[in-house]
Amino acid sequence: MKERIITPLIPFRKSIALTLTGFLLACFAQSAQSNEPTDGVGGQLPDVTQRYDFNLDGHPDFVLNRGPATGIWYLDSIIFLSGALAPTLPPFGWRLIDAADFNGDGHPDYALFNNSTRQTAIWYLNNNVLVSAGFGPTLPFLWKIVGTADFNLNGRTDYLLFNTNTGQTAIWYMSGRTRVGAVYGPSVGVTFYQLKGAADYSGEGYPDYILFNISTHQTLILFLHNNVSVGSAFGPTLPAEWTLTLP
């Protein structure tokens, strides 16, 4: 399994989140403000949204992971300030899907998914420290969670699900770790495009779907109003050998 950075939600008008290799958590030893973070090939990492502000300083941060290890890069705009180790993921199939504030305390939390049991879990964080955890709903067979966002704009983070057999999407409305409702979203197919997650690309407040064509490397945005598709547009085409990691 390749090492990668889990990047925050990045609007296309700013940049694209790319899978990166060769990042080591030892990078945290860099002195404060000594360097701007780079993408491993000499370019600066892009600015991001407020969604991943772990230390609540008004500046969004980066989440990194290398196998089960996770960490936070604290940024001031694009300037690397410092880094800290964050909770280590549990063994036996658990992986980090996204980070969002599930309990309303202002701090982003980890959303985890288990590939074998289909169980979800929320790890509640205070900055980079795990303070509590609990299981979320278990997903049905053939469904996986691909991201989180507040689809109905009620201030609660919801699950975005994808059926790997039919290409159907679904939104599970959440209240913390509890599912309080569910609706189907638009079907995106399973042939070429992969559903990568959701973010508000149109700027009208509702999260939209972001898809990636594994053959052409073309990106595609499905604009949504809650769970209803209201349009679509192509995004940038990624260079060869690169893949979209998260929106």
Protein backbone atom coordinates (compact mmCIF):
# COMPACT_ATOMS: atom_id res chain seq x y z
CA MET A 1 0.00 0.00 0.00
CA LYS A 2 1.45 3.33 -1.07
CA GLU A 3 2.00 6.09 1.42
CA ARG A 4 -0.19 9.10 0.80
CA ILE A 5 -1.42 12.42 2.05
CA ILE A 6 -5.11 12.73 2.84
CA THR A 7 -5.81 16.25 1.70
CA PRO A 8 -8.67 18.51 2.75
CA LEU A 9 -11.56 19.50 0.53
CA ILE A 10 -10.07 21.81 -2.12
CA PRO A 11 -12.28 23.78 -4.51
CA PHE A 12 -11.22 23.50 -8.17
CA ARG A 13 -10.74 27.24 -8.32
CA LYS A 14 -7.85 26.74 -5.93
CA SER A 15 -6.28 23.38 -6.80
CA ILE A 16 -6.67 19.59 -6.99
CA ALA A 17 -5.80 17.06 -4.31
CA LEU A 18 -3.36 14.54 -5.75
CA THR A 19 -2.07 11.26 -4.47
CA LEU A 20 1.49 11.81 -3.32
CA THR A 21 4.17 9.29 -2.57
CA GLY A 22 7.29 9.52 -0.51
CA PHE A 23 5.91 11.65 2.33
CA LEU A 24 7.22 10.55 5.71
CA LEU A 25 6.01 11.66 9.09
CA ALA A 26 9.60 12.50 9.88
CA CYS A 27 8.90 15.71 7.98
CA PHE A 28 7.39 16.96 11.21
CA ALA A 29 10.89 17.60 12.51
CA GLN A 30 11.15 20.65 10.28
CA SER A 31 11.54 23.79 12.34
CA ALA A 32 8.60 26.16 12.56
CA GLN A 33 8.27 28.41 9.48
CA SER A 34 11.52 27.10 8.10
CA ASN A 35 9.95 25.95 4.85
CA GLU A 36 6.69 26.00 2.98
CA PRO A 37 5.24 22.50 2.58
CA THR A 38 5.79 21.00 -0.86
CA ASP A 39 4.07 18.32 -2.83
CA GLY A 40 7.11 16.07 -3.16
CA VAL A 41 7.95 17.26 -6.67
CA GLY A 42 8.89 20.83 -5.83
CA GLY A 43 5.48 22.50 -5.89
CA GLN A 44 3.73 24.16 -3.00
CA LEU A 45 0.74 22.41 -1.47
CA PRO A 46 -2.47 24.31 -2.22
CA ASP A 47 -4.57 26.42 0.09
CA VAL A 48 -7.60 24.65 1.54
CA THR A 49 -10.98 25.32 3.12
CA GLN A 50 -11.78 25.91 6.78
CA ARG A 51 -12.98 22.32 7.14
CA TYR A 52 -9.70 20.93 8.51
CA ASP A 53 -8.71 23.56 11.09
CA PHE A 54 -7.53 21.24 13.86
CA ASN A 55 -5.96 23.82 16.20
CA LEU A 56 -8.73 26.42 15.61
CA ASP A 57 -6.33 29.18 14.63
CA GLY A 58 -8.45 30.19 11.66
CA HIS A 59 -6.22 28.42 9.14
CA PRO A 60 -7.00 24.99 7.65
CA ASP A 61 -4.43 22.25 8.10
CA PHE A 62 -3.36 19.07 6.32
CA VAL A 63 -4.02 15.49 7.42
CA LEU A 64 -1.28 13.02 6.53
CA ASN A 65 -1.20 9.28 6.81
CA ARG A 66 1.39 6.58 6.28
CA GLY A 67 -0.10 3.17 6.83
CA PRO A 68 -1.88 3.30 10.20
CA ALA A 69 -0.01 6.42 11.36
CA THR A 70 -1.67 9.82 10.99
CA GLY A 71 -0.47 13.33 11.61
CA ILE A 72 -1.37 16.99 11.23
CA TRP A 73 0.52 19.72 9.41
CA TYR A 74 -0.41 23.11 10.87
CA LEU A 75 -0.44 25.84 8.25
CA ASP A 76 -0.71 29.62 8.11
CA SER A 77 -2.13 29.99 4.63
CA ILE A 78 0.48 28.01 2.64
CA ILE A 79 3.22 28.40 5.25
CA PHE A 80 4.19 25.28 7.20
CA LEU A 81 4.30 26.11 10.92
CA SER A 82 4.71 22.78 12.66
CA GLY A 83 3.52 19.19 12.69
CA ALA A 84 2.21 16.76 15.25
CA LEU A 85 1.46 13.09 15.38
CA ALA A 86 -2.25 12.25 15.55
CA PRO A 87 -3.98 9.00 16.55
CA THR A 88 -2.81 5.75 15.02
CA LEU A 89 -5.54 3.88 13.18
CA PRO A 90 -6.62 0.51 14.58
CA PRO A 91 -5.53 -2.70 12.81
CA PHE A 92 -7.58 -5.21 10.86
CA GLY A 93 -9.12 -3.24 8.01
CA TRP A 94 -9.80 0.22 9.39
CA ARG A 95 -8.99 3.23 7.22
CA LEU A 96 -9.46 6.97 7.49
CA ILE A 97 -12.17 8.23 5.14
CA ASP A 98 -12.51 11.90 6.01
CA ALA A 99 -12.32 14.47 8.79
CA ALA A 100 -15.28 16.61 9.86
CA ASP A 101 -16.83 18.02 13.03
CA PHE A 102 -19.38 15.40 14.10
CA ASN A 103 -20.09 16.60 17.66
CA GLY A 104 -20.25 20.35 17.08
CA ASP A 105 -17.29 21.32 19.28
CA GLY A 106 -15.49 23.04 16.41
CA HIS A 107 -12.71 20.46 16.15
CA PRO A 108 -12.55 18.11 13.14
CA ASP A 109 -13.02 14.43 13.98
CA TYR A 110 -11.97 11.29 12.12
CA ALA A 111 -14.51 9.23 10.15
CA LEU A 112 -13.30 5.62 9.83
CA PHE A 113 -14.56 2.68 7.77
CA ASN A 114 -13.72 -1.03 8.06
CA ASN A 115 -13.40 -2.82 4.60
CA SER A 116 -14.23 -6.26 6.01
CA THR A 117 -16.98 -5.62 8.62
CA ARG A 118 -18.52 -2.52 6.90
CA GLN A 119 -18.63 -0.86 10.33
CA THR A 120 -18.09 2.90 10.60
CA ALA A 121 -16.67 4.75 13.57
CA ILE A 122 -16.09 8.33 14.66
CA TRP A 123 -12.98 9.33 16.58
CA TYR A 124 -13.58 12.60 18.42
CA LEU A 125 -10.47 14.78 18.51
CA ASN A 126 -9.36 17.86 20.37
CA ASN A 127 -6.74 19.18 17.99
CA ASN A 128 -4.54 16.10 17.37
CA VAL A 129 -5.57 14.25 20.56
CA LEU A 130 -8.13 11.44 20.60
CA VAL A 131 -10.60 12.15 23.42
CA SER A 132 -13.31 9.55 22.76
CA ALA A 133 -14.66 7.25 20.08
CA GLY A 134 -17.77 5.36 19.15
CA PHE A 135 -19.22 3.21 16.41
CA GLY A 136 -21.42 4.69 13.71
CA PRO A 137 -23.89 2.75 11.56
CA THR A 138 -22.83 -0.38 9.68
CA LEU A 139 -23.13 -0.16 5.91
CA PRO A 140 -25.04 -2.73 3.85
CA PHE A 141 -23.24 -5.23 1.63
CA LEU A 142 -21.73 -3.69 -1.55
CA TRP A 143 -21.94 -0.17 -0.14
CA LYS A 144 -18.95 1.87 1.00
CA ILE A 145 -18.54 5.33 2.49
CA VAL A 146 -16.61 7.68 0.20
CA GLY A 147 -16.85 10.97 2.06
CA THR A 148 -18.73 13.22 4.47
CA ALA A 149 -20.49 16.56 4.05
CA ASP A 150 -23.54 18.46 5.29
CA PHE A 151 -25.91 17.74 2.41
CA ASN A 152 -29.16 19.09 3.91
CA LEU A 153 -27.47 22.13 5.50
CA ASN A 154 -28.71 21.42 9.01
CA GLY A 155 -25.29 21.86 10.57
CA ARG A 156 -24.66 18.10 10.89
CA THR A 157 -22.11 16.09 8.94
CA ASP A 158 -23.64 13.32 6.80
CA TYR A 159 -22.29 10.17 5.14
CA LEU A 160 -21.91 9.84 1.36
CA LEU A 161 -22.30 6.22 0.26
CA PHE A 162 -21.58 4.47 -3.04
CA ASN A 163 -22.77 1.09 -4.27
CA THR A 164 -19.82 -0.61 -5.96
CA ASN A 165 -22.10 -2.93 -7.93
CA THR A 166 -24.78 -0.59 -9.30
CA GLY A 167 -23.14 2.84 -9.17
CA GLN A 168 -26.00 4.17 -7.05
CA THR A 169 -25.21 6.81 -4.43
CA ALA A 170 -26.96 7.47 -1.15
CA ILE A 171 -26.81 10.07 1.58
CA TRP A 172 -27.20 9.03 5.18
CA TYR A 173 -28.29 11.99 7.29
CA MET A 174 -26.53 11.89 10.61
CA SER A 175 -26.85 13.40 14.04
CA GLY A 176 -23.43 12.79 15.47
CA ARG A 177 -22.87 9.03 15.09
CA THR A 178 -26.57 8.23 14.67
CA ARG A 179 -28.30 7.84 11.32
CA VAL A 180 -31.55 9.82 11.36
CA GLY A 181 -32.57 9.46 7.70
CA ALA A 182 -31.45 8.36 4.25
CA VAL A 183 -32.12 9.22 0.61
CA TYR A 184 -30.73 8.12 -2.72
CA GLY A 185 -28.54 10.48 -4.68
CA PRO A 186 -27.85 10.38 -8.42
CA SER A 187 -26.36 7.23 -9.92
CA VAL A 188 -22.81 7.72 -11.24
CA GLY A 189 -22.12 4.32 -12.80
CA VAL A 190 -19.21 1.97 -12.24
CA THR A 191 -17.50 1.77 -15.65
CA PHE A 192 -14.97 4.58 -15.80
CA TYR A 193 -15.75 7.31 -13.29
CA GLN A 194 -14.98 6.89 -9.59
CA LEU A 195 -16.87 8.89 -6.95
CA LYS A 196 -14.23 10.54 -4.77
CA GLY A 197 -16.26 12.61 -2.33
CA ALA A 198 -18.23 15.83 -1.99
CA ALA A 199 -17.52 19.55 -1.63
CA ASP A 200 -19.25 22.80 -2.54
CA TYR A 201 -17.72 23.63 -5.93
CA SER A 202 -20.49 25.95 -7.12
CA GLY A 203 -20.37 28.22 -4.06
CA GLU A 204 -24.12 28.05 -3.46
CA GLY A 205 -23.78 26.18 -0.19
CA TYR A 206 -24.68 22.60 -1.07
CA PRO A 207 -21.99 19.89 -1.40
CA ASP A 208 -21.47 18.56 -4.93
CA TYR A 209 -20.10 15.23 -6.13
CA ILE A 210 -16.58 15.04 -7.54
CA LEU A 211 -15.77 12.16 -9.90
CA PHE A 212 -12.54 10.98 -11.49
CA ASN A 213 -12.21 9.07 -14.78
CA ILE A 214 -9.60 6.37 -14.23
CA SER A 215 -9.00 6.01 -17.97
CA THR A 216 -8.76 9.61 -19.20
CA HIS A 217 -7.93 11.27 -15.84
CA GLN A 218 -10.76 13.74 -16.51
CA THR A 219 -12.58 15.12 -13.47
CA LEU A 220 -16.31 15.76 -13.38
CA ILE A 221 -18.49 17.69 -10.94
CA LEU A 222 -22.14 16.84 -10.38
CA PHE A 223 -23.85 19.88 -8.88
CA LEU A 224 -26.41 18.95 -6.22
CA HIS A 225 -29.19 20.57 -4.26
CA ASN A 226 -29.27 18.28 -1.24
CA ASN A 227 -29.58 14.85 -2.96
CA VAL A 228 -30.87 16.10 -6.36
CA SER A 229 -28.58 16.61 -9.36
CA VAL A 230 -29.05 20.07 -10.90
CA GLY A 231 -26.23 20.06 -13.46
CA SER A 232 -22.69 18.98 -14.19
CA ALA A 233 -19.40 20.30 -15.53
CA PHE A 234 -16.01 18.91 -16.40
CA GLY A 235 -13.09 19.88 -14.19
CA PRO A 236 -9.38 19.76 -15.00
CA THR A 237 -7.75 16.67 -16.47
CA LEU A 238 -4.98 15.34 -14.23
CA PRO A 239 -1.53 14.48 -15.59
CA ALA A 240 -0.71 10.88 -16.41
CA GLU A 241 0.32 8.72 -13.42
CA TRP A 242 -1.53 11.01 -11.00
CA THR A 243 -4.86 10.27 -9.35
CA LEU A 244 -7.41 12.28 -7.42
CA THR A 245 -7.21 11.31 -3.75
CA LEU A 246 -9.93 13.39 -2.08
CA PRO A 247 -11.84 16.52 -3.07
